[in-house]
Amino acid sequence: MDAFQKEIDERTNLTSSNKFELLLFRLGNPEGTTDKPGELYGINVFKIREIVPMMDITAAAGMRSPMLGMVNIRGQVMSVVDLPAVAGCKPGHGLNILLITEFARHTQAFAVESVEEIVRLDWSQVLPADSNASGNVVTSIARLDSALDGGRLVQVLDVEQILNMVSPVKEQMQPPTPGSNELKIKPGSVVLAADDSRMARALIEQCLNDLKLPYVMATDGLQAWKKLQELAREAEQEHKPLTDKVAMVLTDLEMPEMDGFTLTRKIKASDLYKQLPVVIHSSLTGAANEDHVRSVGANGYVAKFSPPELAAMLRKVLPP
């Protein structure tokens, strides 16, 4: 096994312990501030295909900020997003690095000022941003240091939201004929869904509403796990099977506090919960990730964002 494959396997195996690696980079200073080092931002290393020096960018006719244009990397043409412009920052030393990323079967480049390092973290060090950060482009806040006070913080970008801002998701559910698009589950049961991205939650909710499926939405894996336990207690008190309360679990992979791999493993390791279908809905595409999804016991995998594919998977795993 060569060194590269060994590194990939090692990173994949981190998910068995609720850990991941975060690439840290800087975008410059917020508009109007001085020359102190800009804040740290992060993206999961799993989403980074490669890091390359800035190269010539071809500006396309009619393209507007934050789109910079297009680059040709080894025969693949991809769009370039001005990440500092999205985050409201001004690079003090220019845009020097391109982060080549893969999300939901699409490849694009993000221009940044500088790359710092890769850090290994536990998802418990990552907190949802809804109550900790303003704006729509930060999905969570990571604590780099073990100290509860005074430690370094990293803003983890909601890349799904950013990509939807610059290139909105256009694929929608096909208009159904009356009654043809509905899915039937036990009266009183719900789909338990978990995703930390605001934009992803909105698309999931739209899909579930189109299918006439009732749902409970969680913003991270830990919240989903606690809600599942709560619904299980309700079922026990009412002397009902758990499936009368929960029809299935739909989960993202990258989430604060508990990731989707860990959530899936905990469900499938429990005699009480293991009969529940679990579908992973993630922008982490690629054969290695999809194989790992199967290894943790998920019943299905759907790449974001294709409502028809998500609907087809739900039809497949939900009990008739």
C-alpha atoms as a PDB file:
ATOM      1  CA  MET A   1       0.000   0.000   0.000  1.00  0.00           C
ATOM      2  CA  ASP A   2       1.503   3.328  -1.025  1.00  0.00           C
ATOM      3  CA  ALA A   3       1.782   6.319   1.319  1.00  0.00           C
ATOM      4  CA  PHE A   4      -1.066   8.204  -0.349  1.00  0.00           C
ATOM      5  CA  GLN A   5      -3.561   5.344   0.044  1.00  0.00           C
ATOM      6  CA  LYS A   6      -2.417   4.811   3.625  1.00  0.00           C
ATOM      7  CA  GLU A   7      -3.127   8.486   4.369  1.00  0.00           C
ATOM      8  CA  ILE A   8      -6.610   8.227   2.817  1.00  0.00           C
ATOM      9  CA  ASP A   9      -7.412   5.095   4.848  1.00  0.00           C
ATOM     10  CA  GLU A  10      -6.179   6.733   8.044  1.00  0.00           C
ATOM     11  CA  ARG A  11      -8.418   9.752   7.501  1.00  0.00           C
ATOM     12  CA  THR A  12     -11.390   7.528   6.691  1.00  0.00           C
ATOM     13  CA  ASN A  13     -10.838   5.525   9.869  1.00  0.00           C
ATOM     14  CA  LEU A  14     -11.030   8.709  11.947  1.00  0.00           C
ATOM     15  CA  THR A  15     -14.793   8.573  11.530  1.00  0.00           C
ATOM     16  CA  SER A  16     -14.916   5.444  13.709  1.00  0.00           C
ATOM     17  CA  SER A  17     -14.026   7.661  16.683  1.00  0.00           C
ATOM     18  CA  ASN A  18     -16.101  10.761  15.823  1.00  0.00           C
ATOM     19  CA  LYS A  19     -12.962  12.579  14.624  1.00  0.00           C
ATOM     20  CA  PHE A  20     -12.087  14.467  11.452  1.00  0.00           C
ATOM     21  CA  GLU A  21      -9.422  16.742   9.983  1.00  0.00           C
ATOM     22  CA  LEU A  22      -9.934  20.414   9.249  1.00  0.00           C
ATOM     23  CA  LEU A  23      -7.921  22.482   6.772  1.00  0.00           C
ATOM     24  CA  LEU A  24      -7.289  25.942   8.234  1.00  0.00           C
ATOM     25  CA  PHE A  25      -6.897  28.996   6.013  1.00  0.00           C
ATOM     26  CA  ARG A  26      -7.176  32.785   6.127  1.00  0.00           C
ATOM     27  CA  LEU A  27      -9.223  35.126   3.969  1.00  0.00           C
ATOM     28  CA  GLY A  28      -7.854  38.468   5.187  1.00  0.00           C
ATOM     29  CA  ASN A  29      -9.414  41.017   7.516  1.00  0.00           C
ATOM     30  CA  PRO A  30     -13.032  42.075   7.823  1.00  0.00           C
ATOM     31  CA  GLU A  31     -13.712  45.185   5.753  1.00  0.00           C
ATOM     32  CA  GLY A  32     -12.540  48.318   7.588  1.00  0.00           C
ATOM     33  CA  THR A  33     -10.131  46.592  10.006  1.00  0.00           C
ATOM     34  CA  THR A  34      -6.348  46.935  10.203  1.00  0.00           C
ATOM     35  CA  ASP A  35      -3.403  44.675   9.510  1.00  0.00           C
ATOM     36  CA  LYS A  36      -3.707  42.077  12.270  1.00  0.00           C
ATOM     37  CA  PRO A  37      -3.858  38.469  11.017  1.00  0.00           C
ATOM     38  CA  GLY A  38      -7.254  37.562   9.651  1.00  0.00           C
ATOM     39  CA  GLU A  39      -9.548  35.114  11.385  1.00  0.00           C
ATOM     40  CA  LEU A  40      -9.116  31.386  10.825  1.00  0.00           C
ATOM     41  CA  TYR A  41     -11.617  29.537   8.653  1.00  0.00           C
ATOM     42  CA  GLY A  42     -11.900  25.817   8.010  1.00  0.00           C
ATOM     43  CA  ILE A  43     -13.127  23.148   5.574  1.00  0.00           C
ATOM     44  CA  ASN A  44     -13.202  19.392   6.168  1.00  0.00           C
ATOM     45  CA  VAL A  45     -10.160  17.812   4.500  1.00  0.00           C
ATOM     46  CA  PHE A  46     -12.441  15.156   2.976  1.00  0.00           C
ATOM     47  CA  LYS A  47     -13.839  17.888   0.696  1.00  0.00           C
ATOM     48  CA  ILE A  48     -10.435  19.113  -0.515  1.00  0.00           C
ATOM     49  CA  ARG A  49      -9.180  17.421  -3.669  1.00  0.00           C
ATOM     50  CA  GLU A  50      -5.984  19.447  -3.887  1.00  0.00           C
ATOM     51  CA  ILE A  51      -4.369  22.798  -3.047  1.00  0.00           C
ATOM     52  CA  VAL A  52      -2.628  24.713  -5.825  1.00  0.00           C
ATOM     53  CA  PRO A  53      -0.954  28.130  -6.176  1.00  0.00           C
ATOM     54  CA  MET A  54      -3.010  30.875  -7.769  1.00  0.00           C
ATOM     55  CA  MET A  55      -3.005  30.692 -11.567  1.00  0.00           C
ATOM     56  CA  ASP A  56      -4.378  32.725 -14.436  1.00  0.00           C
ATOM     57  CA  ILE A  57      -8.150  33.061 -14.224  1.00  0.00           C
ATOM     58  CA  THR A  58     -10.308  33.554 -17.319  1.00  0.00           C
ATOM     59  CA  ALA A  59     -13.134  35.981 -16.576  1.00  0.00           C
ATOM     60  CA  ALA A  60     -16.364  34.839 -18.231  1.00  0.00           C
ATOM     61  CA  ALA A  61     -18.662  37.378 -19.875  1.00  0.00           C
ATOM     62  CA  GLY A  62     -21.319  38.626 -17.493  1.00  0.00           C
ATOM     63  CA  MET A  63     -19.776  36.948 -14.428  1.00  0.00           C
ATOM     64  CA  ARG A  64     -20.206  38.922 -11.213  1.00  0.00           C
ATOM     65  CA  SER A  65     -18.639  38.871  -7.757  1.00  0.00           C
ATOM     66  CA  PRO A  66     -18.035  36.602  -5.908  1.00  0.00           C
ATOM     67  CA  MET A  67     -17.337  34.597  -9.061  1.00  0.00           C
ATOM     68  CA  LEU A  68     -13.852  35.345 -10.383  1.00  0.00           C
ATOM     69  CA  GLY A  69     -13.937  33.286 -13.557  1.00  0.00           C
ATOM     70  CA  MET A  70     -12.659  29.898 -14.650  1.00  0.00           C
ATOM     71  CA  VAL A  71      -9.422  27.932 -14.490  1.00  0.00           C
ATOM     72  CA  ASN A  72      -8.192  24.927 -16.423  1.00  0.00           C
ATOM     73  CA  ILE A  73      -6.476  22.381 -14.186  1.00  0.00           C
ATOM     74  CA  ARG A  74      -5.110  19.368 -16.058  1.00  0.00           C
ATOM     75  CA  GLY A  75      -7.855  19.578 -18.652  1.00  0.00           C
ATOM     76  CA  GLN A  76     -10.732  20.142 -16.221  1.00  0.00           C
ATOM     77  CA  VAL A  77     -12.378  23.557 -16.425  1.00  0.00           C
ATOM     78  CA  MET A  78     -13.923  24.765 -13.168  1.00  0.00           C
ATOM     79  CA  SER A  79     -15.322  27.971 -11.726  1.00  0.00           C
ATOM     80  CA  VAL A  80     -13.411  30.028  -9.142  1.00  0.00           C
ATOM     81  CA  VAL A  81     -15.176  31.596  -6.154  1.00  0.00           C
ATOM     82  CA  ASP A  82     -13.728  34.627  -4.343  1.00  0.00           C
ATOM     83  CA  LEU A  83     -14.118  33.279  -0.811  1.00  0.00           C
ATOM     84  CA  PRO A  84     -13.002  36.495   0.955  1.00  0.00           C
ATOM     85  CA  ALA A  85     -15.725  38.399  -0.916  1.00  0.00           C
ATOM     86  CA  VAL A  86     -18.323  35.883   0.288  1.00  0.00           C
ATOM     87  CA  ALA A  87     -17.170  36.221   3.904  1.00  0.00           C
ATOM     88  CA  GLY A  88     -16.860  40.026   3.798  1.00  0.00           C
ATOM     89  CA  CYS A  89     -13.059  40.018   4.078  1.00  0.00           C
ATOM     90  CA  LYS A  90     -10.307  41.900   2.266  1.00  0.00           C
ATOM     91  CA  PRO A  91      -7.046  39.999   1.647  1.00  0.00           C
ATOM     92  CA  GLY A  92      -4.081  42.062   2.808  1.00  0.00           C
ATOM     93  CA  HIS A  93      -1.673  40.061   0.657  1.00  0.00           C
ATOM     94  CA  GLY A  94      -3.848  39.107  -2.271  1.00  0.00           C
ATOM     95  CA  LEU A  95      -5.436  35.839  -3.343  1.00  0.00           C
ATOM     96  CA  ASN A  96      -2.588  33.346  -3.436  1.00  0.00           C
ATOM     97  CA  ILE A  97      -4.086  29.864  -3.125  1.00  0.00           C
ATOM     98  CA  LEU A  98      -6.823  27.841  -4.832  1.00  0.00           C
ATOM     99  CA  LEU A  99      -8.614  25.151  -2.838  1.00  0.00           C
ATOM    100  CA  ILE A 100      -9.966  22.595  -5.302  1.00  0.00           C
ATOM    101  CA  THR A 101     -13.047  21.066  -3.698  1.00  0.00           C
ATOM    102  CA  GLU A 102     -15.605  18.393  -4.493  1.00  0.00           C
ATOM    103  CA  PHE A 103     -19.174  18.817  -3.293  1.00  0.00           C
ATOM    104  CA  ALA A 104     -22.230  16.924  -4.435  1.00  0.00           C
ATOM    105  CA  ARG A 105     -20.574  15.629  -7.614  1.00  0.00           C
ATOM    106  CA  HIS A 106     -19.326  19.086  -8.611  1.00  0.00           C
ATOM    107  CA  THR A 107     -15.762  20.415  -8.606  1.00  0.00           C
ATOM    108  CA  GLN A 108     -14.936  24.070  -7.999  1.00  0.00           C
ATOM    109  CA  ALA A 109     -12.047  26.224  -6.788  1.00  0.00           C
ATOM    110  CA  PHE A 110     -12.099  28.618  -3.841  1.00  0.00           C
ATOM    111  CA  ALA A 111      -9.580  31.470  -3.874  1.00  0.00           C
ATOM    112  CA  VAL A 112      -8.097  32.230  -0.409  1.00  0.00           C
ATOM    113  CA  GLU A 113      -5.301  34.382   0.953  1.00  0.00           C
ATOM    114  CA  SER A 114      -3.251  31.687   2.694  1.00  0.00           C
ATOM    115  CA  VAL A 115      -3.370  28.128   3.998  1.00  0.00           C
ATOM    116  CA  GLU A 116      -2.189  27.504   7.564  1.00  0.00           C
ATOM    117  CA  GLU A 117      -2.297  23.856   8.624  1.00  0.00           C
ATOM    118  CA  ILE A 118      -4.384  20.715   9.002  1.00  0.00           C
ATOM    119  CA  VAL A 119      -5.674  19.926  12.491  1.00  0.00           C
ATOM    120  CA  ARG A 120      -7.276  16.769  13.834  1.00  0.00           C
ATOM    121  CA  LEU A 121     -10.358  17.375  15.963  1.00  0.00           C
ATOM    122  CA  ASP A 122     -13.160  15.539  17.680  1.00  0.00           C
ATOM    123  CA  TRP A 123     -16.630  16.533  16.510  1.00  0.00           C
ATOM    124  CA  SER A 124     -17.418  17.318  20.165  1.00  0.00           C
ATOM    125  CA  GLN A 125     -15.068  20.310  19.748  1.00  0.00           C
ATOM    126  CA  VAL A 126     -17.377  21.714  17.081  1.00  0.00           C
ATOM    127  CA  LEU A 127     -20.442  23.708  18.108  1.00  0.00           C
ATOM    128  CA  PRO A 128     -23.392  24.741  15.929  1.00  0.00           C
ATOM    129  CA  ALA A 129     -23.047  28.312  14.711  1.00  0.00           C
ATOM    130  CA  ASP A 130     -26.700  29.296  14.894  1.00  0.00           C
ATOM    131  CA  SER A 131     -26.260  30.714  18.383  1.00  0.00           C
ATOM    132  CA  ASN A 132     -22.556  31.529  18.101  1.00  0.00           C
ATOM    133  CA  ALA A 133     -22.005  33.314  14.805  1.00  0.00           C
ATOM    134  CA  SER A 134     -23.848  35.751  12.583  1.00  0.00           C
ATOM    135  CA  GLY A 135     -24.424  35.515   8.869  1.00  0.00           C
ATOM    136  CA  ASN A 136     -25.415  32.636   6.652  1.00  0.00           C
ATOM    137  CA  VAL A 137     -22.020  31.304   5.529  1.00  0.00           C
ATOM    138  CA  VAL A 138     -20.722  29.831   8.802  1.00  0.00           C
ATOM    139  CA  THR A 139     -22.181  26.474   9.776  1.00  0.00           C
ATOM    140  CA  SER A 140     -20.233  25.823  12.991  1.00  0.00           C
ATOM    141  CA  ILE A 141     -17.439  26.994  15.317  1.00  0.00           C
ATOM    142  CA  ALA A 142     -14.510  24.710  16.133  1.00  0.00           C
ATOM    143  CA  ARG A 143     -12.430  25.004  19.315  1.00  0.00           C
ATOM    144  CA  LEU A 144      -8.827  24.154  18.435  1.00  0.00           C
ATOM    145  CA  ASP A 145      -7.511  24.013  21.999  1.00  0.00           C
ATOM    146  CA  SER A 146      -8.604  21.916  24.952  1.00  0.00           C
ATOM    147  CA  ALA A 147      -8.904  24.956  27.217  1.00  0.00           C
ATOM    148  CA  LEU A 148     -12.504  26.049  27.674  1.00  0.00           C
ATOM    149  CA  ASP A 149     -11.507  29.711  27.906  1.00  0.00           C
ATOM    150  CA  GLY A 150      -9.206  31.680  25.640  1.00  0.00           C
ATOM    151  CA  GLY A 151      -8.659  28.967  23.057  1.00  0.00           C
ATOM    152  CA  ARG A 152      -8.399  29.568  19.332  1.00  0.00           C
ATOM    153  CA  LEU A 153     -11.639  29.415  17.374  1.00  0.00           C
ATOM    154  CA  VAL A 154     -12.191  28.501  13.735  1.00  0.00           C
ATOM    155  CA  GLN A 155     -15.231  29.380  11.665  1.00  0.00           C
ATOM    156  CA  VAL A 156     -16.265  26.337   9.633  1.00  0.00           C
ATOM    157  CA  LEU A 157     -17.822  27.544   6.409  1.00  0.00           C
ATOM    158  CA  ASP A 158     -21.181  26.319   5.175  1.00  0.00           C
ATOM    159  CA  VAL A 159     -19.897  25.555   1.694  1.00  0.00           C
ATOM    160  CA  GLU A 160     -23.265  24.180   0.615  1.00  0.00           C
ATOM    161  CA  GLN A 161     -24.849  27.542   1.389  1.00  0.00           C
ATOM    162  CA  ILE A 162     -22.025  29.407  -0.363  1.00  0.00           C
ATOM    163  CA  LEU A 163     -22.347  27.312  -3.515  1.00  0.00           C
ATOM    164  CA  ASN A 164     -26.105  27.816  -3.516  1.00  0.00           C
ATOM    165  CA  MET A 165     -25.532  31.581  -3.251  1.00  0.00           C
ATOM    166  CA  VAL A 166     -23.281  31.673  -6.311  1.00  0.00           C
ATOM    167  CA  SER A 167     -24.985  28.882  -8.269  1.00  0.00           C
ATOM    168  CA  PRO A 168     -28.459  28.126  -6.906  1.00  0.00           C
ATOM    169  CA  VAL A 169     -29.705  24.562  -6.892  1.00  0.00           C
ATOM    170  CA  LYS A 170     -32.135  24.376  -9.783  1.00  0.00           C
ATOM    171  CA  GLU A 171     -33.219  20.758  -9.643  1.00  0.00           C
ATOM    172  CA  GLN A 172     -36.624  20.438  -8.038  1.00  0.00           C
ATOM    173  CA  MET A 173     -39.196  17.706  -7.615  1.00  0.00           C
ATOM    174  CA  GLN A 174     -41.187  17.072 -10.787  1.00  0.00           C
ATOM    175  CA  PRO A 175     -44.761  18.347 -10.488  1.00  0.00           C
ATOM    176  CA  PRO A 176     -46.698  15.273  -9.333  1.00  0.00           C
ATOM    177  CA  THR A 177     -50.056  14.068 -10.520  1.00  0.00           C
ATOM    178  CA  PRO A 178     -52.540  14.141  -7.620  1.00  0.00           C
ATOM    179  CA  GLY A 179     -51.609  11.522  -5.042  1.00  0.00           C
ATOM    180  CA  SER A 180     -48.761  10.026  -7.092  1.00  0.00           C
ATOM    181  CA  ASN A 181     -45.924  11.617  -5.137  1.00  0.00           C
ATOM    182  CA  GLU A 182     -47.049  10.744  -1.635  1.00  0.00           C
ATOM    183  CA  LEU A 183     -45.369   8.147   0.544  1.00  0.00           C
ATOM    184  CA  LYS A 184     -47.360   6.394   3.218  1.00  0.00           C
ATOM    185  CA  ILE A 185     -45.911   5.698   6.664  1.00  0.00           C
ATOM    186  CA  LYS A 186     -47.608   4.672   9.902  1.00  0.00           C
ATOM    187  CA  PRO A 187     -49.927   7.397  11.209  1.00  0.00           C
ATOM    188  CA  GLY A 188     -48.103   9.233  13.999  1.00  0.00           C
ATOM    189  CA  SER A 189     -44.601   8.258  12.857  1.00  0.00           C
ATOM    190  CA  VAL A 190     -42.055  10.698  11.406  1.00  0.00           C
ATOM    191  CA  VAL A 191     -38.859  10.873   9.409  1.00  0.00           C
ATOM    192  CA  LEU A 192     -36.078  11.980  11.767  1.00  0.00           C
ATOM    193  CA  ALA A 193     -33.717  14.155   9.694  1.00  0.00           C
ATOM    194  CA  ALA A 194     -30.419  15.790  10.694  1.00  0.00           C
ATOM    195  CA  ASP A 195     -28.308  18.367   8.850  1.00  0.00           C
ATOM    196  CA  ASP A 196     -26.308  21.360  10.093  1.00  0.00           C
ATOM    197  CA  SER A 197     -26.585  23.385   6.865  1.00  0.00           C
ATOM    198  CA  ARG A 198     -29.489  25.833   6.710  1.00  0.00           C
ATOM    199  CA  MET A 199     -29.733  25.487   2.962  1.00  0.00           C
ATOM    200  CA  ALA A 200     -29.640  21.675   3.113  1.00  0.00           C
ATOM    201  CA  ARG A 201     -32.389  21.624   5.747  1.00  0.00           C
ATOM    202  CA  ALA A 202     -34.575  23.818   3.542  1.00  0.00           C
ATOM    203  CA  LEU A 203     -34.145  21.468   0.560  1.00  0.00           C
ATOM    204  CA  ILE A 204     -34.795  18.371   2.685  1.00  0.00           C
ATOM    205  CA  GLU A 205     -37.923  19.945   4.133  1.00  0.00           C
ATOM    206  CA  GLN A 206     -39.154  20.802   0.639  1.00  0.00           C
ATOM    207  CA  CYS A 207     -38.613  17.217  -0.520  1.00  0.00           C
ATOM    208  CA  LEU A 208     -40.337  15.698   2.522  1.00  0.00           C
ATOM    209  CA  ASN A 209     -43.242  18.120   2.217  1.00  0.00           C
ATOM    210  CA  ASP A 210     -43.652  17.223  -1.469  1.00  0.00           C
ATOM    211  CA  LEU A 211     -43.791  13.559  -0.460  1.00  0.00           C
ATOM    212  CA  LYS A 212     -46.309  14.360   2.287  1.00  0.00           C
ATOM    213  CA  LEU A 213     -43.969  12.850   4.881  1.00  0.00           C
ATOM    214  CA  PRO A 214     -44.111  14.278   8.432  1.00  0.00           C
ATOM    215  CA  TYR A 215     -40.658  14.910   9.881  1.00  0.00           C
ATOM    216  CA  VAL A 216     -38.647  16.148  12.831  1.00  0.00           C
ATOM    217  CA  MET A 217     -35.543  18.154  11.905  1.00  0.00           C
ATOM    218  CA  ALA A 218     -32.337  18.205  13.970  1.00  0.00           C
ATOM    219  CA  THR A 219     -29.341  20.481  13.396  1.00  0.00           C
ATOM    220  CA  ASP A 220     -26.643  17.983  14.388  1.00  0.00           C
ATOM    221  CA  GLY A 221     -26.094  14.311  15.123  1.00  0.00           C
ATOM    222  CA  LEU A 222     -26.228  14.655  18.900  1.00  0.00           C
ATOM    223  CA  GLN A 223     -29.557  16.458  18.742  1.00  0.00           C
ATOM    224  CA  ALA A 224     -30.907  13.732  16.456  1.00  0.00           C
ATOM    225  CA  TRP A 225     -29.662  10.994  18.824  1.00  0.00           C
ATOM    226  CA  LYS A 226     -31.341  12.651  21.810  1.00  0.00           C
ATOM    227  CA  LYS A 227     -34.585  13.081  19.853  1.00  0.00           C
ATOM    228  CA  LEU A 228     -34.515   9.405  18.869  1.00  0.00           C
ATOM    229  CA  GLN A 229     -34.110   8.426  22.519  1.00  0.00           C
ATOM    230  CA  GLU A 230     -36.996  10.722  23.445  1.00  0.00           C
ATOM    231  CA  LEU A 231     -39.277   9.172  20.820  1.00  0.00           C
ATOM    232  CA  ALA A 232     -38.261   5.687  21.979  1.00  0.00           C
ATOM    233  CA  ARG A 233     -39.273   6.571  25.558  1.00  0.00           C
ATOM    234  CA  GLU A 234     -42.628   7.850  24.308  1.00  0.00           C
ATOM    235  CA  ALA A 235     -43.191   4.618  22.397  1.00  0.00           C
ATOM    236  CA  GLU A 236     -42.365   2.556  25.479  1.00  0.00           C
ATOM    237  CA  GLN A 237     -44.723   4.589  27.692  1.00  0.00           C
ATOM    238  CA  GLU A 238     -47.507   4.132  25.142  1.00  0.00           C
ATOM    239  CA  HIS A 239     -46.703   0.390  24.774  1.00  0.00           C
ATOM    240  CA  LYS A 240     -46.057   0.830  21.053  1.00  0.00           C
ATOM    241  CA  PRO A 241     -43.191  -0.312  18.830  1.00  0.00           C
ATOM    242  CA  LEU A 242     -40.604   2.333  18.004  1.00  0.00           C
ATOM    243  CA  THR A 243     -41.646   2.240  14.336  1.00  0.00           C
ATOM    244  CA  ASP A 244     -44.970   3.783  15.387  1.00  0.00           C
ATOM    245  CA  LYS A 245     -42.953   6.896  16.265  1.00  0.00           C
ATOM    246  CA  VAL A 246     -40.008   6.870  13.835  1.00  0.00           C
ATOM    247  CA  ALA A 247     -40.208   5.543  10.267  1.00  0.00           C
ATOM    248  CA  MET A 248     -36.552   6.174   9.350  1.00  0.00           C
ATOM    249  CA  VAL A 249     -33.503   8.378   9.954  1.00  0.00           C
ATOM    250  CA  LEU A 250     -32.058  10.687   7.277  1.00  0.00           C
ATOM    251  CA  THR A 251     -28.671  12.137   8.210  1.00  0.00           C
ATOM    252  CA  ASP A 252     -25.854  14.286   6.892  1.00  0.00           C
ATOM    253  CA  LEU A 253     -22.269  13.169   7.591  1.00  0.00           C
ATOM    254  CA  GLU A 254     -20.485  16.370   8.675  1.00  0.00           C
ATOM    255  CA  MET A 255     -22.224  17.743  11.762  1.00  0.00           C
ATOM    256  CA  PRO A 256     -21.167  19.392  15.023  1.00  0.00           C
ATOM    257  CA  GLU A 257     -20.911  17.408  18.260  1.00  0.00           C
ATOM    258  CA  MET A 258     -21.748  14.047  16.620  1.00  0.00           C
ATOM    259  CA  ASP A 259     -21.211  13.235  12.954  1.00  0.00           C
ATOM    260  CA  GLY A 260     -23.448  11.097  10.771  1.00  0.00           C
ATOM    261  CA  PHE A 261     -21.072   8.122  10.816  1.00  0.00           C
ATOM    262  CA  THR A 262     -21.225   7.985  14.612  1.00  0.00           C
ATOM    263  CA  LEU A 263     -24.998   8.501  14.673  1.00  0.00           C
ATOM    264  CA  THR A 264     -25.486   5.651  12.186  1.00  0.00           C
ATOM    265  CA  ARG A 265     -23.167   3.302  14.096  1.00  0.00           C
ATOM    266  CA  LYS A 266     -24.953   4.011  17.397  1.00  0.00           C
ATOM    267  CA  ILE A 267     -28.335   3.295  15.818  1.00  0.00           C
ATOM    268  CA  LYS A 268     -27.221   0.070  14.153  1.00  0.00           C
ATOM    269  CA  ALA A 269     -25.408  -1.152  17.295  1.00  0.00           C
ATOM    270  CA  SER A 270     -28.581  -0.890  19.401  1.00  0.00           C
ATOM    271  CA  ASP A 271     -31.065  -3.750  19.609  1.00  0.00           C
ATOM    272  CA  LEU A 272     -33.796  -1.141  20.120  1.00  0.00           C
ATOM    273  CA  TYR A 273     -32.977   1.044  17.105  1.00  0.00           C
ATOM    274  CA  LYS A 274     -31.207  -1.178  14.589  1.00  0.00           C
ATOM    275  CA  GLN A 275     -34.385  -2.044  12.673  1.00  0.00           C
ATOM    276  CA  LEU A 276     -34.797   1.602  11.653  1.00  0.00           C
ATOM    277  CA  PRO A 277     -33.723   2.369   8.077  1.00  0.00           C
ATOM    278  CA  VAL A 278     -30.891   4.935   7.976  1.00  0.00           C
ATOM    279  CA  VAL A 279     -30.134   6.908   4.822  1.00  0.00           C
ATOM    280  CA  ILE A 280     -27.055   9.132   4.589  1.00  0.00           C
ATOM    281  CA  HIS A 281     -27.528  12.311   2.537  1.00  0.00           C
ATOM    282  CA  SER A 282     -24.180  13.976   2.002  1.00  0.00           C
ATOM    283  CA  SER A 283     -22.118  16.225  -0.237  1.00  0.00           C
ATOM    284  CA  LEU A 284     -19.095  14.001   0.530  1.00  0.00           C
ATOM    285  CA  THR A 285     -19.188  12.044  -2.716  1.00  0.00           C
ATOM    286  CA  GLY A 286     -16.687   9.605  -4.155  1.00  0.00           C
ATOM    287  CA  ALA A 287     -16.188   5.833  -4.034  1.00  0.00           C
ATOM    288  CA  ALA A 288     -14.150   5.856  -0.797  1.00  0.00           C
ATOM    289  CA  ASN A 289     -16.820   7.771   1.131  1.00  0.00           C
ATOM    290  CA  GLU A 290     -19.673   5.713  -0.301  1.00  0.00           C
ATOM    291  CA  ASP A 291     -17.909   2.453   0.616  1.00  0.00           C
ATOM    292  CA  HIS A 292     -17.372   3.738   4.148  1.00  0.00           C
ATOM    293  CA  VAL A 293     -21.071   4.634   4.397  1.00  0.00           C
ATOM    294  CA  ARG A 294     -21.945   1.010   3.706  1.00  0.00           C
ATOM    295  CA  SER A 295     -19.397  -0.185   6.263  1.00  0.00           C
ATOM    296  CA  VAL A 296     -21.177   1.598   9.134  1.00  0.00           C
ATOM    297  CA  GLY A 297     -24.468  -0.119   8.313  1.00  0.00           C
ATOM    298  CA  ALA A 298     -26.480   2.578   6.542  1.00  0.00           C
ATOM    299  CA  ASN A 299     -29.355   1.320   4.412  1.00  0.00           C
ATOM    300  CA  GLY A 300     -28.719   3.838   1.656  1.00  0.00           C
ATOM    301  CA  TYR A 301     -26.642   6.746   0.441  1.00  0.00           C
ATOM    302  CA  VAL A 302     -27.770   9.767  -1.598  1.00  0.00           C
ATOM    303  CA  ALA A 303     -25.484  12.523  -2.849  1.00  0.00           C
ATOM    304  CA  LYS A 304     -26.696  16.091  -2.394  1.00  0.00           C
ATOM    305  CA  PHE A 305     -28.641  17.719  -3.966  1.00  0.00           C
ATOM    306  CA  SER A 306     -31.024  15.762  -6.152  1.00  0.00           C
ATOM    307  CA  PRO A 307     -34.614  15.706  -4.828  1.00  0.00           C
ATOM    308  CA  PRO A 308     -35.677  12.994  -7.310  1.00  0.00           C
ATOM    309  CA  GLU A 309     -32.828  10.717  -6.180  1.00  0.00           C
ATOM    310  CA  LEU A 310     -33.620  11.405  -2.526  1.00  0.00           C
ATOM    311  CA  ALA A 311     -37.302  10.638  -3.130  1.00  0.00           C
ATOM    312  CA  ALA A 312     -36.384   7.403  -4.921  1.00  0.00           C
ATOM    313  CA  MET A 313     -34.169   6.299  -2.025  1.00  0.00           C
ATOM    314  CA  LEU A 314     -36.884   7.047   0.534  1.00  0.00           C
ATOM    315  CA  ARG A 315     -39.322   4.954  -1.489  1.00  0.00           C
ATOM    316  CA  LYS A 316     -36.787   2.139  -1.510  1.00  0.00           C
ATOM    317  CA  VAL A 317     -36.013   1.983   2.226  1.00  0.00           C
ATOM    318  CA  LEU A 318     -39.345   2.900   3.792  1.00  0.00           C
ATOM    319  CA  PRO A 319     -41.433  -0.137   4.699  1.00  0.00           C
ATOM    320  CA  PRO A 320     -44.391  -0.719   2.359  1.00  0.00           C
END
